[in-house]
Amino acid sequence: MAQVRRKGGSFRTRERNIANINTANMHNPWNFFHLFMQDDDVVQSWMREQNLLATHIRCSICNDGTVCSLRKRSKATDGVSFRCPVNPSHEYSMRKFTWFEKSQLRIQDIMLFNQKYLEGCTLKQCSLDSGIAYKSTAVDWASFVRELFKENFARNIKELQLSGEIELDESLFGRKVKYHRGNPTVGTKVWVFGMVERATNRIILYPVDTRDAATLIPLIRKHVAPGSEIYSDGWSSYCNLNELGFSHFTVLHNYAFKKVYVNKRTQERKYVHTNRIEGSWKHSKDYFRRMSGTKRTQFEGHIAEIMFRNQVACSGGGMTSQFYDLLRDVYTLEAPPSYTYTTPLFSTWTMDDSVDTDTQSTTVVPILSDFDISDDVYNRSTDEDISNGVERISISSTGEMNPSTEHGRSVRHRNTSPIDSPNIRSLFHTPSVSSSDPLCDLFGSSPDDDIADCDRTIVPQTQLPTHVSVEPVASTSHFVHYAQSEQSSLSSPSLQPAQVTPRRKKKRVKYTGKSSHVCCPDAYTQEEDEGGRSKRHSKTARETAYGKSSFHWGEWSDDSDFA
């Protein structure tokens, strides 16, 4: 019979004696449930030994240093409370100045919630296992845990300085629209700047509003030791790092993911890549994908949690032990918790949730009616019309044209039947009108109509437009007309149309390539034939490998081959 291995396995490594269980080995589920399935007195005694509950407090009402002692109290949540020996009416909860203060939940349930959250379970799973309400109390306790992660950043990471080989990059966190499905302008989107130390895999993240040099360079100088080697892409904000005392190398991802630089004096080859920081983006974004995103106001807490988990992984310690070590530092059990972090936690971005609303990036487009004609005239503003010699002419119910404007806007007059008015037809008909005129067909008239019956009135104005179009207002009976006659139909030299300067398309500015800057120290140079696309990845090679000579659907293939 093979000998059974004595090492490995949570059940084999469990602690049979409760006195040997502590926060370092509490991650073992057998130890956890073996401890918290005991009576309340045993659990409370263990919590006091681990400095998670206070053994005594001083009476704040007497304020003379009187020490309160524990007394049995049947109406208390935990069955005991602190009472002042001088004045028994001065009573305090056993949870005063602790992590469990002002909560009516059992300590066992809160500890189980913490354990599941630290294991990386979803908030729904933490709620189901601990029995805490999902959309109310569980959300609050998750935010309490992230407050400790914020405090960890303020105490241990905010002034941390990396050294050696450092990788820099920035990434966009937020909703991504693929395959043209959905509105790409809505949803929370935050740029995050990251730094990774290769030797220890420690990571520092900062949400930023902009990725310019004024924002990124101060962060680099704060967290990277002078003389360190920095690897990044060709983003223009990093171009001056060599002048600031760093050894900066770049790799252009448009051409390759690994770049080789050669020392001019020693011929030493240095391979430059940013795979470490790129891999960290994958793990960071997976964290947000598991919970289907978050609010902008809670983004800082989640970024702080990512850095805390990275800190635990790099130190080699246990998640549970380091979490409760941080909790003891904040909750000293002698005074209220000492949080030192500020809000916002990161000064490089705007945490206000109002700047990222869906309505801010939404354009309201009215529904067009049947009378809306898609012409360039409708896209021009009133000021443009006036500057181009176009007057807005409205026609009253009597058929009189009113080329008046009021504060740059046309005065609209009520009209009962504008199309049947004879003076409207006079705008489009001249004595020499031909039968092929499309405007005649538009309004149902022909050259055979008695033009003499239509009294044509010429409105006195200096300039007349050259195009005619109809714009609906209020209802179908209200029309504002842009009217101009052709130059050939004008009988007076004073009525010549103004010369309209045609609008030209703006010249497209060529992209200057902010991500294509190659940087390296003066002692290094790029290796020859490095950085460009290899021949086997060129467009010609792809066409040769997968062109018509490699595959002809009609010659030898059959549909059954792909069934």
Protein backbone atom coordinates (compact mmCIF):
# COMPACT_ATOMS: atom_id res chain seq x y z
CA MET A 1 0.00 0.00 0.00
CA ALA A 2 1.39 3.34 -1.02
CA GLN A 3 2.25 5.66 1.81
CA VAL A 4 -0.14 8.58 2.16
CA ARG A 5 1.56 11.95 1.90
CA ARG A 6 1.29 13.97 5.09
CA LYS A 7 1.89 17.35 3.46
CA GLY A 8 -0.49 19.37 1.36
CA GLY A 9 -4.25 19.77 1.46
CA SER A 10 -6.32 22.12 3.58
CA PHE A 11 -7.80 19.34 5.68
CA ARG A 12 -4.42 17.78 6.51
CA THR A 13 -2.90 21.14 7.41
CA ARG A 14 -5.78 22.30 9.59
CA GLU A 15 -5.24 23.29 13.23
CA ARG A 16 -7.03 21.09 15.73
CA ASN A 17 -6.38 23.44 18.62
CA ILE A 18 -8.16 26.80 18.48
CA ALA A 19 -5.28 28.46 20.32
CA ASN A 20 -3.04 27.80 17.31
CA ILE A 21 -5.38 29.53 14.86
CA ASN A 22 -4.51 33.11 13.95
CA THR A 23 -5.10 35.53 11.08
CA ALA A 24 -2.13 34.05 9.17
CA ASN A 25 -3.64 30.56 8.85
CA MET A 26 -7.29 31.61 8.89
CA HIS A 27 -7.39 31.40 5.10
CA ASN A 28 -7.75 27.64 5.55
CA PRO A 29 -11.53 27.08 5.52
CA TRP A 30 -11.25 24.22 8.04
CA ASN A 31 -9.53 26.51 10.51
CA PHE A 32 -11.99 29.31 9.86
CA PHE A 33 -15.13 27.26 10.44
CA HIS A 34 -13.58 25.31 13.28
CA LEU A 35 -13.03 28.62 15.08
CA PHE A 36 -16.23 30.51 14.37
CA MET A 37 -18.54 27.58 15.01
CA GLN A 38 -17.60 27.80 18.68
CA ASP A 39 -19.64 29.63 21.31
CA ASP A 40 -19.69 33.42 21.37
CA ASP A 41 -17.49 33.56 24.47
CA VAL A 42 -14.76 31.53 22.74
CA VAL A 43 -14.97 33.62 19.58
CA GLN A 44 -14.84 36.91 21.50
CA SER A 45 -11.90 35.73 23.55
CA TRP A 46 -10.01 34.79 20.37
CA MET A 47 -10.83 38.17 18.81
CA ARG A 48 -9.37 39.97 21.83
CA GLU A 49 -6.19 37.90 21.62
CA GLN A 50 -5.81 38.97 17.97
CA ASN A 51 -6.42 42.65 18.90
CA LEU A 52 -9.61 42.78 16.87
CA LEU A 53 -11.75 43.54 19.94
CA ALA A 54 -10.87 45.79 22.87
CA THR A 55 -10.21 44.31 26.31
CA HIS A 56 -10.97 47.61 28.03
CA ILE A 57 -11.82 51.22 27.21
CA ARG A 58 -11.73 54.46 29.15
CA CYS A 59 -14.92 56.26 30.10
CA SER A 60 -15.27 59.30 27.84
CA ILE A 61 -18.05 60.77 29.96
CA CYS A 62 -16.13 60.82 33.22
CA ASN A 63 -13.02 61.86 31.26
CA ASP A 64 -10.77 61.11 34.20
CA GLY A 65 -9.10 57.98 32.89
CA THR A 66 -11.57 55.58 34.48
CA VAL A 67 -11.27 52.12 32.90
CA CYS A 68 -14.54 50.46 31.97
CA SER A 69 -14.89 46.72 32.42
CA LEU A 70 -16.94 44.09 30.64
CA ARG A 71 -20.29 43.18 32.16
CA LYS A 72 -23.02 40.78 31.13
CA ARG A 73 -25.82 42.52 29.31
CA SER A 74 -28.68 40.45 27.91
CA LYS A 75 -30.07 43.28 25.76
CA ALA A 76 -26.72 43.96 24.12
CA THR A 77 -26.02 42.62 20.64
CA ASP A 78 -23.10 40.48 21.80
CA GLY A 79 -24.42 39.74 25.33
CA VAL A 80 -21.77 41.91 27.04
CA SER A 81 -20.93 45.62 27.22
CA PHE A 82 -18.47 48.01 28.88
CA ARG A 83 -19.64 49.81 32.02
CA CYS A 84 -18.03 52.52 34.08
CA PRO A 85 -17.27 51.35 37.67
CA VAL A 86 -17.93 54.85 39.01
CA ASN A 87 -21.23 55.41 37.25
CA PRO A 88 -22.83 52.19 35.90
CA SER A 89 -25.14 54.25 33.68
CA HIS A 90 -22.13 55.02 31.51
CA GLU A 91 -22.38 52.06 29.18
CA TYR A 92 -20.54 51.38 25.91
CA SER A 93 -20.79 48.69 23.27
CA MET A 94 -18.24 45.92 23.21
CA ARG A 95 -17.53 46.92 19.58
CA LYS A 96 -16.56 50.50 20.34
CA PHE A 97 -13.52 51.72 18.34
CA THR A 98 -13.45 48.43 16.38
CA TRP A 99 -14.09 47.36 12.79
CA PHE A 100 -17.53 46.06 13.86
CA GLU A 101 -18.77 49.27 15.50
CA LYS A 102 -22.34 50.44 14.77
CA SER A 103 -23.29 47.17 13.12
CA GLN A 104 -26.06 44.84 14.27
CA LEU A 105 -24.71 41.86 12.35
CA ARG A 106 -23.09 38.95 14.08
CA ILE A 107 -19.31 39.06 14.18
CA GLN A 108 -19.16 35.61 12.60
CA ASP A 109 -21.10 36.82 9.54
CA ILE A 110 -18.89 39.88 9.10
CA MET A 111 -15.72 37.79 9.35
CA LEU A 112 -17.08 35.36 6.76
CA PHE A 113 -17.92 38.28 4.43
CA ASN A 114 -14.37 39.60 4.80
CA GLN A 115 -12.92 36.18 4.11
CA LYS A 116 -14.93 35.66 0.93
CA TYR A 117 -14.18 39.16 -0.32
CA LEU A 118 -10.45 38.69 0.19
CA GLU A 119 -10.61 35.41 -1.70
CA GLY A 120 -11.86 37.34 -4.74
CA CYS A 121 -15.47 36.19 -4.73
CA THR A 122 -18.09 38.38 -6.33
CA LEU A 123 -20.24 40.57 -4.13
CA LYS A 124 -23.23 38.35 -4.88
CA GLN A 125 -21.35 35.26 -3.69
CA CYS A 126 -20.15 37.07 -0.56
CA SER A 127 -23.74 38.02 0.18
CA LEU A 128 -25.03 34.48 -0.32
CA ASP A 129 -22.36 32.85 1.87
CA SER A 130 -22.57 35.35 4.73
CA GLY A 131 -26.32 35.92 4.62
CA ILE A 132 -25.88 39.71 4.35
CA ALA A 133 -28.37 41.62 2.21
CA TYR A 134 -26.96 41.95 -1.31
CA LYS A 135 -27.95 45.41 -2.58
CA SER A 136 -27.74 47.29 0.70
CA THR A 137 -25.60 45.98 3.55
CA ALA A 138 -23.18 43.95 1.42
CA VAL A 139 -22.47 47.00 -0.74
CA ASP A 140 -21.69 49.05 2.38
CA TRP A 141 -19.30 46.46 3.79
CA ALA A 142 -17.52 46.14 0.45
CA SER A 143 -16.96 49.91 0.48
CA PHE A 144 -15.62 49.65 4.07
CA VAL A 145 -13.08 47.10 2.89
CA ARG A 146 -12.00 49.33 0.01
CA GLU A 147 -11.55 52.21 2.47
CA LEU A 148 -8.80 50.16 4.05
CA PHE A 149 -7.24 49.67 0.61
CA LYS A 150 -7.30 53.44 0.10
CA GLU A 151 -5.57 53.88 3.43
CA ASN A 152 -2.97 51.34 2.37
CA PHE A 153 -2.21 53.43 -0.72
CA ALA A 154 -1.88 56.60 1.35
CA ARG A 155 0.48 54.93 3.82
CA ASN A 156 2.53 52.48 1.79
CA ILE A 157 2.30 53.28 -1.94
CA LYS A 158 1.83 57.03 -2.28
CA GLU A 159 5.51 57.73 -1.53
CA LEU A 160 6.88 54.43 -2.86
CA GLN A 161 9.85 54.75 -5.21
CA LEU A 162 10.71 52.12 -7.81
CA SER A 163 14.19 51.45 -9.14
CA GLY A 164 15.98 49.28 -11.66
CA GLU A 165 14.09 48.45 -14.85
CA ILE A 166 10.73 50.23 -14.98
CA GLU A 167 8.03 49.85 -17.61
CA LEU A 168 5.58 52.69 -18.30
CA ASP A 169 2.31 52.68 -20.16
CA GLU A 170 -1.19 54.11 -20.12
CA SER A 171 -4.46 52.35 -20.85
CA LEU A 172 -8.09 53.30 -21.26
CA PHE A 173 -10.47 51.72 -18.76
CA GLY A 174 -14.14 51.74 -19.56
CA ARG A 175 -16.85 50.61 -21.89
CA LYS A 176 -15.61 49.45 -25.28
CA VAL A 177 -17.82 49.33 -28.36
CA LYS A 178 -16.90 46.63 -30.87
CA TYR A 179 -18.24 45.86 -34.31
CA HIS A 180 -20.12 49.20 -34.39
CA ARG A 181 -22.69 47.97 -31.85
CA GLY A 182 -23.82 50.50 -29.31
CA ASN A 183 -23.06 54.16 -28.69
CA PRO A 184 -19.32 54.72 -28.18
CA THR A 185 -19.83 58.14 -26.57
CA VAL A 186 -21.64 56.98 -23.41
CA GLY A 187 -20.27 55.22 -20.37
CA THR A 188 -17.43 55.86 -17.97
CA LYS A 189 -13.99 55.99 -19.59
CA VAL A 190 -10.86 56.69 -17.54
CA TRP A 191 -7.24 56.78 -18.63
CA VAL A 192 -4.94 55.00 -16.18
CA PHE A 193 -1.18 55.52 -16.06
CA GLY A 194 0.88 52.61 -14.73
CA MET A 195 4.45 51.85 -13.67
CA VAL A 196 5.85 48.34 -13.08
CA GLU A 197 9.15 47.40 -11.48
CA ARG A 198 10.51 44.32 -13.23
CA ALA A 199 12.53 42.97 -10.30
CA THR A 200 9.59 42.81 -7.87
CA ASN A 201 6.52 43.14 -10.15
CA ARG A 202 5.27 45.98 -7.97
CA ILE A 203 2.79 48.21 -9.77
CA ILE A 204 1.65 51.79 -9.21
CA LEU A 205 -1.50 53.05 -10.93
CA TYR A 206 -2.85 56.57 -11.32
CA PRO A 207 -6.09 57.59 -13.04
CA VAL A 208 -5.43 60.70 -15.11
CA ASP A 209 -7.55 63.17 -17.03
CA THR A 210 -4.89 63.85 -19.65
CA ARG A 211 -1.78 62.02 -20.82
CA ASP A 212 0.37 65.04 -21.46
CA ALA A 213 3.87 65.58 -20.12
CA ALA A 214 2.65 68.03 -17.46
CA THR A 215 0.67 65.18 -15.85
CA LEU A 216 2.91 62.14 -16.38
CA ILE A 217 6.42 63.54 -15.84
CA PRO A 218 5.80 64.58 -12.18
CA LEU A 219 4.49 61.09 -11.41
CA ILE A 220 7.55 59.49 -12.99
CA ARG A 221 9.97 61.71 -11.09
CA LYS A 222 8.10 60.98 -7.85
CA HIS A 223 7.98 57.19 -8.10
CA VAL A 224 11.06 56.29 -10.18
CA ALA A 225 14.55 56.64 -8.74
CA PRO A 226 17.03 58.72 -10.79
CA GLY A 227 19.26 56.65 -13.03
CA SER A 228 16.70 53.89 -13.51
CA GLU A 229 16.09 52.36 -16.91
CA ILE A 230 12.65 53.18 -18.27
CA TYR A 231 10.99 51.23 -21.07
CA SER A 232 7.90 52.62 -22.78
CA ASP A 233 6.20 53.01 -26.11
CA GLY A 234 6.71 56.01 -28.37
CA TRP A 235 4.24 58.32 -26.64
CA SER A 236 5.43 61.91 -27.00
CA SER A 237 5.05 62.74 -23.29
CA TYR A 238 8.04 60.50 -22.48
CA CYS A 239 10.48 62.09 -24.95
CA ASN A 240 12.40 64.18 -22.39
CA LEU A 241 13.11 61.45 -19.82
CA ASN A 242 16.72 61.05 -20.95
CA GLU A 243 17.30 64.71 -20.17
CA LEU A 244 15.87 64.28 -16.66
CA GLY A 245 18.43 61.73 -15.48
CA PHE A 246 16.80 58.50 -16.64
CA SER A 247 17.88 55.93 -19.22
CA HIS A 248 14.85 55.86 -21.47
CA PHE A 249 14.29 53.31 -24.24
CA THR A 250 11.26 53.06 -26.49
CA VAL A 251 9.69 50.33 -28.59
CA LEU A 252 7.21 51.22 -31.32
CA HIS A 253 4.35 48.76 -31.22
CA ASN A 254 3.33 49.68 -34.75
CA TYR A 255 6.38 47.81 -36.01
CA ALA A 256 7.50 45.35 -33.32
CA PHE A 257 6.92 44.35 -29.70
CA LYS A 258 10.62 43.94 -28.93
CA LYS A 259 13.36 46.38 -29.80
CA VAL A 260 17.12 45.82 -29.67
CA TYR A 261 19.57 48.57 -28.79
CA VAL A 262 23.36 48.19 -28.94
CA ASN A 263 25.88 49.93 -26.70
CA LYS A 264 28.31 51.81 -28.92
CA ARG A 265 31.29 51.14 -26.67
CA THR A 266 30.76 47.63 -25.31
CA GLN A 267 28.49 46.27 -28.06
CA GLU A 268 26.11 45.08 -25.36
CA ARG A 269 22.66 44.25 -26.68
CA LYS A 270 19.65 45.46 -24.69
CA TYR A 271 16.24 44.00 -25.41
CA VAL A 272 13.42 46.47 -24.78
CA HIS A 273 9.77 45.51 -24.42
CA THR A 274 6.76 46.46 -22.30
CA ASN A 275 5.17 43.03 -21.95
CA ARG A 276 5.11 43.23 -18.15
CA ILE A 277 2.96 46.36 -17.97
CA GLU A 278 0.79 45.15 -20.85
CA GLY A 279 0.12 41.95 -18.93
CA SER A 280 -0.83 43.95 -15.84
CA TRP A 281 -3.52 45.74 -17.84
CA LYS A 282 -5.07 42.38 -18.63
CA HIS A 283 -5.35 41.42 -14.95
CA SER A 284 -6.55 44.89 -13.94
CA LYS A 285 -9.31 44.98 -16.55
CA ASP A 286 -10.38 41.42 -15.75
CA TYR A 287 -11.06 42.68 -12.22
CA PHE A 288 -13.59 45.20 -13.58
CA ARG A 289 -15.08 42.74 -16.07
CA ARG A 290 -16.02 40.35 -13.26
CA MET A 291 -18.26 42.95 -11.68
CA SER A 292 -19.54 44.49 -14.97
CA GLY A 293 -18.01 47.90 -14.33
CA THR A 294 -18.42 50.44 -11.55
CA LYS A 295 -19.31 54.06 -10.90
CA ARG A 296 -16.80 56.82 -11.39
CA THR A 297 -17.05 57.80 -7.70
CA GLN A 298 -16.00 54.27 -6.65
CA PHE A 299 -13.22 53.87 -9.22
CA GLU A 300 -10.48 54.98 -6.82
CA GLY A 301 -11.32 52.28 -4.30
CA HIS A 302 -11.07 49.56 -6.93
CA ILE A 303 -7.75 50.89 -8.24
CA ALA A 304 -6.44 50.89 -4.65
CA GLU A 305 -7.64 47.30 -4.24
CA ILE A 306 -5.75 46.21 -7.37
CA MET A 307 -2.56 47.73 -5.97
CA PHE A 308 -3.14 46.10 -2.55
CA ARG A 309 -3.57 42.67 -4.09
CA ASN A 310 -0.45 43.23 -6.17
CA GLN A 311 1.44 44.25 -3.04
CA VAL A 312 0.38 41.04 -1.27
CA ALA A 313 1.39 38.90 -4.27
CA CYS A 314 4.82 40.58 -4.53
CA SER A 315 5.57 40.30 -0.80
CA GLY A 316 4.78 36.59 -0.69
CA GLY A 317 2.58 36.95 2.39
CA GLY A 318 -0.97 35.88 2.91
CA MET A 319 -3.92 38.03 1.89
CA THR A 320 -5.75 37.50 5.16
CA SER A 321 -2.81 38.22 7.43
CA GLN A 322 -1.83 41.45 5.63
CA PHE A 323 -5.42 42.65 5.56
CA TYR A 324 -5.86 42.25 9.31
CA ASP A 325 -2.43 43.79 9.93
CA LEU A 326 -3.65 46.86 8.06
CA LEU A 327 -6.92 46.77 9.99
CA ARG A 328 -5.05 46.77 13.32
CA ASP A 329 -2.99 49.76 12.23
CA VAL A 330 -6.11 51.76 11.46
CA TYR A 331 -8.30 50.54 14.35
CA THR A 332 -6.10 50.95 17.41
CA LEU A 333 -8.98 50.10 19.82
CA GLU A 334 -8.13 53.14 21.98
CA ALA A 335 -9.59 55.88 19.79
CA PRO A 336 -11.67 56.26 16.62
CA PRO A 337 -10.05 54.85 13.46
CA SER A 338 -7.17 56.93 12.12
CA TYR A 339 -7.72 57.28 8.37
CA THR A 340 -5.21 59.57 6.68
CA TYR A 341 -6.16 59.33 3.00
CA THR A 342 -7.82 62.26 1.28
CA THR A 343 -10.67 62.43 -1.21
CA PRO A 344 -10.02 62.37 -4.09
CA LEU A 345 -7.29 59.86 -3.47
CA PHE A 346 -5.50 60.76 -6.73
CA SER A 347 -4.94 64.42 -7.56
CA THR A 348 -4.35 63.65 -11.24
CA TRP A 349 -7.97 63.21 -12.24
CA THR A 350 -11.51 64.50 -11.72
CA MET A 351 -13.61 62.14 -9.65
CA ASP A 352 -16.88 64.07 -10.06
CA ASP A 353 -19.49 61.72 -11.49
CA SER A 354 -21.40 64.58 -13.13
CA VAL A 355 -18.74 65.02 -15.83
CA ASP A 356 -19.48 61.56 -17.21
CA THR A 357 -23.22 61.51 -17.73
CA ASP A 358 -24.92 59.94 -20.71
CA THR A 359 -26.79 63.13 -21.57
CA GLN A 360 -23.63 65.16 -21.91
CA SER A 361 -22.46 63.20 -24.93
CA THR A 362 -25.91 62.77 -26.51
CA THR A 363 -27.05 64.87 -29.47
CA VAL A 364 -30.79 65.39 -29.76
CA VAL A 365 -31.82 65.16 -33.42
CA PRO A 366 -35.37 66.22 -34.35
CA ILE A 367 -37.51 63.99 -36.55
CA LEU A 368 -37.81 65.40 -40.06
CA SER A 369 -41.24 65.80 -41.61
CA ASP A 370 -42.19 65.28 -45.22
CA PHE A 371 -41.70 68.98 -45.91
CA ASP A 372 -38.06 68.95 -44.80
CA ILE A 373 -35.86 69.14 -47.88
CA SER A 374 -32.25 68.05 -47.47
CA ASP A 375 -30.53 71.01 -49.08
CA ASP A 376 -27.37 72.83 -48.11
CA VAL A 377 -29.46 75.96 -47.54
CA TYR A 378 -31.03 74.47 -44.42
CA ASN A 379 -27.67 73.76 -42.85
CA ARG A 380 -26.65 77.38 -42.87
CA SER A 381 -27.30 79.69 -39.94
CA THR A 382 -29.10 83.02 -40.11
CA ASP A 383 -25.88 84.97 -39.82
CA GLU A 384 -24.39 83.07 -42.76
CA ASP A 385 -27.49 83.77 -44.84
CA ILE A 386 -27.33 87.48 -44.18
CA SER A 387 -23.58 87.62 -44.85
CA ASN A 388 -24.06 85.77 -48.14
CA GLY A 389 -26.73 88.18 -49.33
CA VAL A 390 -29.74 85.98 -48.51
CA GLU A 391 -32.79 87.52 -46.91
CA ARG A 392 -35.49 85.45 -45.30
CA ILE A 393 -38.79 86.36 -46.92
CA SER A 394 -42.08 85.48 -45.29
CA ILE A 395 -45.42 85.66 -47.08
CA SER A 396 -48.52 86.79 -45.32
CA SER A 397 -52.04 85.55 -45.92
CA THR A 398 -52.63 88.39 -48.37
CA GLY A 399 -49.78 87.28 -50.54
CA GLU A 400 -47.37 90.08 -49.62
CA MET A 401 -43.74 89.29 -49.12
CA ASN A 402 -42.15 90.61 -45.94
CA PRO A 403 -38.34 90.51 -46.15
CA SER A 404 -37.98 91.62 -42.54
CA THR A 405 -35.71 90.17 -39.92
CA GLU A 406 -35.75 90.66 -36.20
CA HIS A 407 -32.56 90.24 -34.18
CA GLY A 408 -31.04 88.01 -36.84
CA ARG A 409 -34.12 85.76 -36.99
CA SER A 410 -36.85 85.79 -39.58
CA VAL A 411 -40.29 87.07 -38.58
CA ARG A 412 -42.80 84.32 -39.19
CA HIS A 413 -46.32 85.30 -40.22
CA ARG A 414 -49.38 83.15 -40.00
CA ASN A 415 -50.54 81.93 -43.39
CA THR A 416 -53.76 80.14 -44.17
CA SER A 417 -53.06 78.94 -47.70
CA PRO A 418 -49.61 79.94 -48.89
CA ILE A 419 -49.30 77.66 -51.88
CA ASP A 420 -52.54 78.85 -53.51
CA SER A 421 -51.52 82.48 -53.22
CA PRO A 422 -50.91 83.97 -56.68
CA ASN A 423 -48.00 86.04 -55.49
CA ILE A 424 -46.13 82.90 -54.46
CA ARG A 425 -46.33 81.67 -58.00
CA SER A 426 -45.07 85.02 -59.16
CA LEU A 427 -41.81 84.28 -57.40
CA PHE A 428 -41.18 81.34 -59.70
CA HIS A 429 -42.73 82.51 -62.97
CA THR A 430 -41.49 85.05 -65.42
CA PRO A 431 -43.20 86.13 -68.66
CA SER A 432 -40.65 84.07 -70.61
CA VAL A 433 -41.11 80.85 -68.64
CA SER A 434 -40.79 77.64 -70.65
CA SER A 435 -42.78 74.41 -70.44
CA SER A 436 -39.71 72.50 -69.35
CA ASP A 437 -39.29 74.50 -66.17
CA PRO A 438 -39.36 71.96 -63.30
CA LEU A 439 -40.60 74.61 -60.90
CA CYS A 440 -43.84 74.81 -62.80
CA ASP A 441 -44.49 71.13 -62.25
CA LEU A 442 -43.62 71.54 -58.62
CA PHE A 443 -46.47 73.96 -57.98
CA GLY A 444 -48.95 72.54 -60.47
CA SER A 445 -48.86 75.44 -62.95
CA SER A 446 -47.87 75.60 -66.57
CA PRO A 447 -46.93 78.26 -69.10
CA ASP A 448 -50.51 78.17 -70.36
CA ASP A 449 -51.71 79.73 -67.15
CA ASP A 450 -52.92 83.27 -67.41
CA ILE A 451 -49.92 85.07 -66.00
CA ALA A 452 -51.67 88.38 -66.47
CA ASP A 453 -54.13 87.41 -63.76
CA CYS A 454 -51.28 87.02 -61.29
CA ASP A 455 -50.20 90.44 -60.16
CA ARG A 456 -46.49 90.11 -59.65
CA THR A 457 -45.14 92.45 -57.03
CA ILE A 458 -41.42 93.07 -56.83
CA VAL A 459 -40.33 93.64 -53.28
CA PRO A 460 -37.86 96.53 -53.01
CA GLN A 461 -34.59 95.09 -51.73
CA THR A 462 -30.98 95.52 -52.63
CA GLN A 463 -30.17 91.87 -53.17
CA LEU A 464 -32.23 88.84 -54.02
CA PRO A 465 -31.20 85.23 -53.41
CA THR A 466 -30.48 82.89 -56.28
CA HIS A 467 -32.13 79.73 -54.94
CA VAL A 468 -35.63 78.93 -53.79
CA SER A 469 -36.39 76.56 -51.00
CA VAL A 470 -39.16 75.96 -48.50
CA GLU A 471 -38.70 75.55 -44.76
CA PRO A 472 -41.61 74.35 -42.58
CA VAL A 473 -42.43 76.28 -39.42
CA ALA A 474 -44.89 75.43 -36.63
CA SER A 475 -47.24 73.61 -39.03
CA THR A 476 -47.68 72.89 -42.73
CA SER A 477 -49.42 76.24 -43.23
CA HIS A 478 -46.41 78.24 -42.06
CA PHE A 479 -43.58 78.68 -44.52
CA VAL A 480 -40.43 80.73 -44.55
CA HIS A 481 -39.00 81.14 -48.02
CA TYR A 482 -35.48 81.67 -49.18
CA ALA A 483 -36.16 83.28 -52.54
CA GLN A 484 -33.79 84.53 -55.17
CA SER A 485 -34.37 84.84 -58.88
CA GLU A 486 -31.92 83.92 -61.59
CA GLN A 487 -29.75 86.73 -62.80
CA SER A 488 -31.20 86.46 -66.30
CA SER A 489 -34.73 87.12 -65.03
CA LEU A 490 -33.83 90.38 -63.33
CA SER A 491 -35.00 93.40 -65.27
CA SER A 492 -33.16 96.06 -63.30
CA PRO A 493 -29.38 96.40 -62.91
CA SER A 494 -29.89 97.37 -59.26
CA LEU A 495 -31.33 93.94 -58.54
CA GLN A 496 -28.19 91.99 -59.46
CA PRO A 497 -27.46 89.15 -56.95
CA ALA A 498 -24.51 89.39 -54.64
CA GLN A 499 -21.42 87.37 -55.34
CA VAL A 500 -21.45 84.42 -52.92
CA THR A 501 -18.04 83.06 -52.07
CA PRO A 502 -18.16 79.25 -52.18
CA ARG A 503 -17.14 77.49 -49.01
CA ARG A 504 -14.08 75.35 -49.37
CA LYS A 505 -13.37 72.17 -47.53
CA LYS A 506 -10.94 72.45 -44.67
CA LYS A 507 -7.57 71.06 -45.42
CA ARG A 508 -7.00 67.83 -43.56
CA VAL A 509 -4.14 68.02 -41.13
CA LYS A 510 -1.86 65.06 -41.46
CA TYR A 511 -1.44 63.01 -38.29
CA THR A 512 1.93 63.80 -36.80
CA GLY A 513 2.30 60.51 -34.98
CA LYS A 514 2.44 61.16 -31.25
CA SER A 515 3.23 57.50 -30.62
CA SER A 516 6.15 57.18 -33.03
CA HIS A 517 9.02 58.78 -31.10
CA VAL A 518 12.18 56.67 -30.86
CA CYS A 519 14.23 57.50 -27.74
CA CYS A 520 17.40 55.99 -26.28
CA PRO A 521 20.47 57.25 -24.37
CA ASP A 522 23.36 58.70 -26.35
CA ALA A 523 25.51 55.67 -25.54
CA TYR A 524 23.15 53.36 -27.42
CA THR A 525 22.03 53.02 -30.99
CA GLN A 526 19.38 50.99 -32.75
CA GLU A 527 20.39 47.66 -34.16
CA GLU A 528 20.29 47.45 -37.93
CA ASP A 529 17.22 45.90 -39.59
CA GLU A 530 15.42 46.08 -36.28
CA GLY A 531 12.15 47.81 -35.66
CA GLY A 532 10.68 47.41 -39.13
CA ARG A 533 8.23 44.81 -40.30
CA SER A 534 9.87 41.60 -41.39
CA LYS A 535 9.36 40.31 -44.90
CA ARG A 536 7.18 37.43 -43.84
CA HIS A 537 4.73 39.91 -42.23
CA SER A 538 4.67 42.30 -45.16
CA LYS A 539 1.55 42.88 -47.18
CA THR A 540 3.07 41.32 -50.29
CA ALA A 541 3.97 38.17 -48.39
CA ARG A 542 0.44 37.82 -47.05
CA GLU A 543 -1.04 38.21 -50.48
CA THR A 544 1.36 35.60 -51.84
CA ALA A 545 0.65 33.11 -49.07
CA TYR A 546 -3.11 33.52 -49.08
CA GLY A 547 -3.71 34.73 -52.65
CA LYS A 548 -5.60 33.11 -55.47
CA SER A 549 -2.74 30.74 -56.27
CA SER A 550 -3.19 29.09 -52.87
CA PHE A 551 -6.96 28.70 -52.98
CA HIS A 552 -9.49 28.58 -55.82
CA TRP A 553 -13.05 27.95 -54.77
CA GLY A 554 -14.25 26.78 -58.16
CA GLU A 555 -11.37 24.51 -59.23
CA TRP A 556 -10.78 21.83 -56.62
CA SER A 557 -12.80 22.72 -53.52
CA ASP A 558 -16.25 21.43 -52.72
CA ASP A 559 -18.91 22.68 -50.36
CA SER A 560 -18.86 19.31 -48.60
CA ASP A 561 -15.31 20.05 -47.44
CA PHE A 562 -16.63 22.90 -45.27
CA ALA A 563 -19.83 21.22 -44.09
